[in-house]
Amino acid sequence: MATRAALAALNFYPVKSCRGIAADRLRLGPTGFERDRHWMVVRPNGRFVTQREIPRLALIETAIIHGDRRHDGLRLTAPGMPAIEVPASAHGASLDVVVWRDSCRAIDQGDAVAGWLSGFLAVPLRLAAFDPLHERASSPQWTGDTRALTEFADGFALLAISEASLADLNGRLERALPMERFRPNIVLTGIGAYDEDRIHELHRDGVRLRIVKPCTRCSITTTNQRTGEVEGDEPLRTLRTYRWSKPLAGVMFGQNVIVIDGAGRELRVGDEFDILWRQPGQVAPGS
């Protein structure tokens, strides 16, 4: 059994469900990587929108306009559209937004970007930024006594998948899929297929990352992240044959991760982490 895992790739997704950014190094915060899912596309009533409903969100490329770390802006580009910048000073009306069952406070990013999104996606939409004066806690059903935070991610700070797990899945598919289909923050190497299911924590130089819940996969995995087109029912059809979880009522691929220690530290591709394996009989709080 491996004693260490290394970081093969790092990704963050400034706007929930839009195209992500690969990076050689990323700074860790209490909610995950800085600016990960910091912005979110919402309906006029504040309800979140993802590629599950609008696959063409995958075509929107994101870039960070760097200021000081607390005041970064955003640039969006999309096919056939002029680029638009959302400055750090875009502090509009405070509004309530909804991510699944969670209500959060957010800051509207203005009419210009709302018009840009609505024009490209052909439905009335607005852009919201997470309000830093408020916190969103992950479900204690899975984090136990640890109060873990996230911004607009589905539920947890980070998502980790191993290279070996994707290789195993691709060996079962007629056509191999890239890792971007699964939108992880952290890609692990040096461990076996689905070993991330059995890891309790990853430790390195004051950083502690705890795996708390399997990620149940949705239709986003069937969307080509380069074209924004849904391509059949794979990989969900194949995953269902060997990765179905009756308790979670879904197929599992990847693991949700919370930050225990290390906010403010930088993670780099190639970093090695010591593995603390889950003990026999030890399960996540919500299992």
Protein backbone atom coordinates (compact mmCIF):
# COMPACT_ATOMS: atom_id res chain seq x y z
CA MET A 1 0.00 0.00 0.00
CA ALA A 2 1.38 3.39 -0.99
CA THR A 3 2.54 5.71 1.76
CA ARG A 4 2.57 8.85 -0.37
CA ALA A 5 0.57 10.46 -3.14
CA ALA A 6 1.73 13.28 -5.39
CA LEU A 7 -0.16 16.11 -7.05
CA ALA A 8 -0.30 15.41 -10.79
CA ALA A 9 -2.48 18.43 -11.63
CA LEU A 10 -4.24 21.36 -9.98
CA ASN A 11 -7.35 23.14 -11.26
CA PHE A 12 -9.71 25.84 -10.13
CA TYR A 13 -13.00 27.06 -11.55
CA PRO A 14 -13.59 30.78 -10.94
CA VAL A 15 -17.20 30.64 -12.17
CA LYS A 16 -19.19 27.61 -11.14
CA SER A 17 -19.82 25.34 -14.16
CA CYS A 18 -17.78 27.48 -16.57
CA ARG A 19 -14.40 26.41 -17.96
CA GLY A 20 -11.68 25.89 -15.38
CA ILE A 21 -8.03 26.91 -15.22
CA ALA A 22 -5.09 24.53 -14.81
CA ALA A 23 -2.22 25.88 -12.73
CA ASP A 24 1.22 24.79 -11.56
CA ARG A 25 0.58 26.24 -8.12
CA LEU A 26 -2.48 27.40 -6.20
CA ARG A 27 -2.96 28.99 -2.81
CA LEU A 28 -5.14 27.13 -0.37
CA GLY A 29 -7.77 28.93 1.68
CA PRO A 30 -10.28 27.67 4.24
CA THR A 31 -12.88 27.30 1.45
CA GLY A 32 -10.50 25.53 -0.98
CA PHE A 33 -8.34 27.12 -3.64
CA GLU A 34 -8.56 30.90 -3.77
CA ARG A 35 -11.22 32.11 -6.21
CA ASP A 36 -12.50 28.58 -6.83
CA ARG A 37 -16.26 28.82 -7.49
CA HIS A 38 -16.16 32.40 -6.20
CA TRP A 39 -18.61 33.51 -8.91
CA MET A 40 -21.81 31.78 -10.00
CA VAL A 41 -24.37 32.19 -12.77
CA VAL A 42 -27.90 32.52 -11.38
CA ARG A 43 -31.46 32.98 -12.57
CA PRO A 44 -33.05 36.36 -11.82
CA ASN A 45 -34.61 34.72 -8.74
CA GLY A 46 -31.14 33.75 -7.44
CA ARG A 47 -31.33 30.02 -8.24
CA PHE A 48 -27.99 28.62 -9.39
CA VAL A 49 -27.46 27.41 -12.96
CA THR A 50 -24.99 24.74 -14.09
CA GLN A 51 -24.11 22.67 -17.14
CA ARG A 52 -26.79 20.22 -16.05
CA GLU A 53 -29.31 22.71 -17.44
CA ILE A 54 -27.16 24.72 -19.87
CA PRO A 55 -24.24 22.66 -21.24
CA ARG A 56 -22.97 25.70 -23.20
CA LEU A 57 -21.64 27.12 -19.93
CA ALA A 58 -18.62 24.92 -20.70
CA LEU A 59 -17.74 27.27 -23.57
CA ILE A 60 -17.25 30.28 -21.30
CA GLU A 61 -13.54 30.68 -20.56
CA THR A 62 -12.49 32.35 -17.34
CA ALA A 63 -9.42 34.31 -16.33
CA ILE A 64 -8.50 36.18 -13.18
CA ILE A 65 -7.59 39.85 -13.31
CA HIS A 66 -5.12 40.05 -10.47
CA GLY A 67 -5.26 42.78 -7.86
CA ASP A 68 -4.41 42.20 -4.24
CA ARG A 69 -5.52 38.70 -3.24
CA ARG A 70 -8.76 39.92 -1.70
CA HIS A 71 -9.80 41.98 -4.72
CA ASP A 72 -9.34 40.02 -7.92
CA GLY A 73 -11.47 40.73 -10.96
CA LEU A 74 -12.72 38.36 -13.64
CA ARG A 75 -12.51 38.18 -17.44
CA LEU A 76 -14.96 36.09 -19.49
CA THR A 77 -14.66 35.06 -23.13
CA ALA A 78 -16.89 32.89 -25.31
CA PRO A 79 -17.20 32.01 -29.02
CA GLY A 80 -18.62 34.88 -31.04
CA MET A 81 -18.66 37.23 -28.04
CA PRO A 82 -16.41 40.16 -27.12
CA ALA A 83 -14.45 39.61 -23.93
CA ILE A 84 -15.95 41.22 -20.86
CA GLU A 85 -14.22 42.18 -17.64
CA VAL A 86 -15.86 42.23 -14.24
CA PRO A 87 -13.73 44.53 -12.08
CA ALA A 88 -13.02 43.87 -8.44
CA SER A 89 -15.02 46.98 -7.69
CA ALA A 90 -18.21 45.44 -9.14
CA HIS A 91 -20.06 45.55 -5.85
CA GLY A 92 -23.73 45.74 -6.71
CA ALA A 93 -26.80 44.84 -4.74
CA SER A 94 -26.63 42.17 -2.07
CA LEU A 95 -28.83 39.22 -2.94
CA ASP A 96 -29.82 35.80 -1.72
CA VAL A 97 -28.78 32.92 -3.96
CA VAL A 98 -29.48 29.21 -3.73
CA VAL A 99 -27.01 26.33 -4.27
CA TRP A 100 -28.90 23.08 -3.96
CA ARG A 101 -30.50 23.37 -0.50
CA ASP A 102 -28.23 26.13 0.75
CA SER A 103 -29.14 29.80 0.76
CA CYS A 104 -26.11 32.11 0.56
CA ARG A 105 -25.42 35.80 0.49
CA ALA A 106 -23.91 37.08 -2.73
CA ILE A 107 -23.13 40.33 -4.53
CA ASP A 108 -24.67 41.06 -7.92
CA GLN A 109 -21.99 41.84 -10.52
CA GLY A 110 -23.98 44.30 -12.58
CA ASP A 111 -26.09 44.66 -15.69
CA ALA A 112 -23.23 44.57 -18.21
CA VAL A 113 -22.11 41.02 -17.44
CA ALA A 114 -25.73 39.94 -16.91
CA GLY A 115 -26.51 41.10 -20.44
CA TRP A 116 -23.41 39.35 -21.78
CA LEU A 117 -24.37 36.02 -20.17
CA SER A 118 -28.01 36.33 -21.16
CA GLY A 119 -27.06 37.10 -24.75
CA PHE A 120 -24.67 34.19 -25.12
CA LEU A 121 -26.84 31.62 -23.37
CA ALA A 122 -30.21 32.95 -24.62
CA VAL A 123 -31.88 32.97 -21.21
CA PRO A 124 -32.11 35.72 -18.55
CA LEU A 125 -29.18 35.30 -16.19
CA ARG A 126 -27.03 37.25 -13.77
CA LEU A 127 -23.57 36.82 -12.27
CA ALA A 128 -23.15 36.70 -8.50
CA ALA A 129 -19.96 36.80 -6.41
CA PHE A 130 -19.74 35.10 -3.04
CA ASP A 131 -20.11 37.63 -0.22
CA PRO A 132 -16.91 37.42 1.86
CA LEU A 133 -18.74 38.81 4.90
CA HIS A 134 -20.67 35.56 5.14
CA GLU A 135 -19.74 31.89 5.43
CA ARG A 136 -21.15 28.73 3.91
CA ALA A 137 -20.52 25.56 5.87
CA SER A 138 -20.38 22.07 4.41
CA SER A 139 -22.85 19.51 5.67
CA PRO A 140 -21.96 18.28 9.19
CA GLN A 141 -23.50 14.95 8.18
CA TRP A 142 -20.20 14.39 6.37
CA THR A 143 -17.74 16.63 8.18
CA GLY A 144 -18.74 15.57 11.69
CA ASP A 145 -17.52 17.90 14.41
CA THR A 146 -15.27 19.78 11.96
CA ARG A 147 -16.75 23.01 10.65
CA ALA A 148 -15.62 23.07 7.03
CA LEU A 149 -16.27 25.94 4.62
CA THR A 150 -16.78 26.36 0.91
CA GLU A 151 -18.04 29.07 -1.46
CA PHE A 152 -20.20 28.08 -4.46
CA ALA A 153 -18.92 24.50 -4.92
CA ASP A 154 -21.66 21.90 -4.77
CA GLY A 155 -20.87 21.12 -1.15
CA PHE A 156 -17.21 20.84 -0.22
CA ALA A 157 -13.95 22.74 -0.62
CA LEU A 158 -12.13 20.45 -3.06
CA LEU A 159 -12.61 17.44 -5.33
CA ALA A 160 -9.84 14.86 -5.73
CA ILE A 161 -9.49 12.06 -8.30
CA SER A 162 -6.53 9.77 -8.99
CA GLU A 163 -4.99 9.28 -12.43
CA ALA A 164 -5.29 5.53 -11.87
CA SER A 165 -9.05 5.76 -11.36
CA LEU A 166 -9.51 7.51 -14.69
CA ALA A 167 -7.21 4.99 -16.39
CA ASP A 168 -9.33 2.16 -15.00
CA LEU A 169 -12.55 3.80 -16.17
CA ASN A 170 -11.11 4.52 -19.61
CA GLY A 171 -10.13 0.86 -19.91
CA ARG A 172 -13.83 0.02 -19.69
CA LEU A 173 -15.05 2.66 -22.18
CA GLU A 174 -15.12 2.43 -25.96
CA ARG A 175 -13.68 5.96 -26.13
CA ALA A 176 -11.34 7.35 -23.49
CA LEU A 177 -12.39 10.55 -21.74
CA PRO A 178 -10.13 13.33 -20.46
CA MET A 179 -9.93 14.22 -16.77
CA GLU A 180 -11.59 17.58 -17.47
CA ARG A 181 -14.94 15.77 -17.82
CA PHE A 182 -14.88 15.27 -14.05
CA ARG A 183 -13.75 18.79 -13.07
CA PRO A 184 -11.41 17.90 -10.19
CA ASN A 185 -9.39 20.41 -8.20
CA ILE A 186 -6.69 17.88 -7.36
CA VAL A 187 -5.45 15.00 -9.50
CA LEU A 188 -3.44 12.43 -7.53
CA THR A 189 -0.73 10.10 -8.77
CA GLY A 190 1.26 7.36 -7.07
CA ILE A 191 -1.80 5.49 -5.79
CA GLY A 192 -3.95 2.77 -7.28
CA ALA A 193 -7.35 2.97 -8.90
CA TYR A 194 -9.99 4.17 -6.41
CA ASP A 195 -7.45 4.31 -3.59
CA GLU A 196 -8.79 7.81 -2.91
CA ASP A 197 -11.90 6.03 -1.57
CA ARG A 198 -9.81 4.62 1.29
CA ILE A 199 -7.75 7.68 2.21
CA HIS A 200 -8.67 9.49 5.41
CA GLU A 201 -6.24 12.42 5.21
CA LEU A 202 -3.35 13.79 3.14
CA HIS A 203 -0.58 15.58 5.11
CA ARG A 204 2.26 17.85 4.02
CA ASP A 205 4.13 20.71 5.74
CA GLY A 206 1.25 21.90 7.89
CA VAL A 207 -1.42 21.09 5.28
CA ARG A 208 -4.11 18.56 6.21
CA LEU A 209 -6.75 17.63 3.68
CA ARG A 210 -9.48 15.24 4.78
CA ILE A 211 -11.54 13.09 2.42
CA VAL A 212 -15.12 13.10 3.65
CA LYS A 213 -17.60 12.00 0.98
CA PRO A 214 -17.69 10.18 -2.36
CA CYS A 215 -18.66 12.40 -5.27
CA THR A 216 -21.80 11.18 -7.00
CA ARG A 217 -21.64 12.08 -10.66
CA CYS A 218 -24.23 13.81 -12.82
CA SER A 219 -24.88 14.55 -16.47
CA ILE A 220 -22.05 17.12 -16.62
CA THR A 221 -19.70 14.16 -17.12
CA THR A 222 -21.42 13.47 -20.45
CA THR A 223 -20.73 17.00 -21.76
CA ASN A 224 -17.71 17.65 -23.94
CA GLN A 225 -15.97 20.50 -22.12
CA ARG A 226 -14.42 21.77 -25.37
CA THR A 227 -17.61 21.91 -27.46
CA GLY A 228 -20.38 22.25 -24.87
CA GLU A 229 -22.23 19.33 -26.46
CA VAL A 230 -23.73 16.38 -24.60
CA GLU A 231 -22.27 13.14 -26.01
CA GLY A 232 -24.58 10.27 -25.13
CA ASP A 233 -24.76 8.64 -21.71
CA GLU A 234 -21.12 7.76 -21.06
CA PRO A 235 -19.39 7.54 -18.65
CA LEU A 236 -22.47 7.28 -16.45
CA ARG A 237 -23.73 4.07 -18.10
CA THR A 238 -20.44 2.27 -17.50
CA LEU A 239 -19.89 3.70 -14.02
CA ARG A 240 -23.31 2.45 -13.00
CA THR A 241 -22.20 -1.15 -13.66
CA TYR A 242 -19.47 -1.09 -11.01
CA ARG A 243 -19.53 2.18 -9.04
CA TRP A 244 -23.18 2.43 -8.02
CA SER A 245 -23.83 3.44 -4.40
CA LYS A 246 -27.24 2.45 -3.09
CA PRO A 247 -26.96 4.70 0.03
CA LEU A 248 -26.03 7.70 -2.10
CA ALA A 249 -28.35 6.75 -4.98
CA GLY A 250 -25.68 7.58 -7.54
CA VAL A 251 -22.46 6.53 -9.22
CA MET A 252 -19.26 7.43 -7.40
CA PHE A 253 -16.16 8.84 -9.04
CA GLY A 254 -13.77 11.01 -7.06
CA GLN A 255 -13.87 12.18 -3.47
CA ASN A 256 -14.88 15.42 -1.78
CA VAL A 257 -12.21 16.97 0.42
CA ILE A 258 -12.21 19.57 3.21
CA VAL A 259 -9.37 21.73 4.47
CA ILE A 260 -8.38 20.92 8.07
CA ASP A 261 -5.09 22.87 8.21
CA GLY A 262 -2.95 24.84 5.81
CA ALA A 263 -5.01 27.87 4.76
CA GLY A 264 -2.60 30.39 3.25
CA ARG A 265 -0.11 27.81 2.05
CA GLU A 266 0.62 27.13 -1.61
CA LEU A 267 0.23 23.75 -3.25
CA ARG A 268 2.30 22.91 -6.31
CA VAL A 269 2.15 20.22 -8.96
CA GLY A 270 4.63 17.54 -7.88
CA ASP A 271 4.12 18.07 -4.14
CA GLU A 272 4.03 14.80 -2.24
CA PHE A 273 1.63 14.13 0.60
CA ASP A 274 1.83 11.49 3.31
CA ILE A 275 -1.26 9.29 3.31
CA LEU A 276 -3.25 8.50 6.43
CA TRP A 277 -5.38 5.56 5.39
CA ARG A 278 -8.85 5.01 6.77
CA GLN A 279 -8.77 2.26 9.35
CA PRO A 280 -10.82 -0.93 8.86
CA GLY A 281 -14.37 -0.17 9.91
CA GLN A 282 -13.74 3.60 9.90
CA VAL A 283 -16.28 5.39 7.73
CA ALA A 284 -17.03 8.99 6.92
CA PRO A 285 -19.52 10.62 9.34
CA GLY A 286 -22.42 10.44 6.90
CA SER A 287 -21.87 6.90 5.62
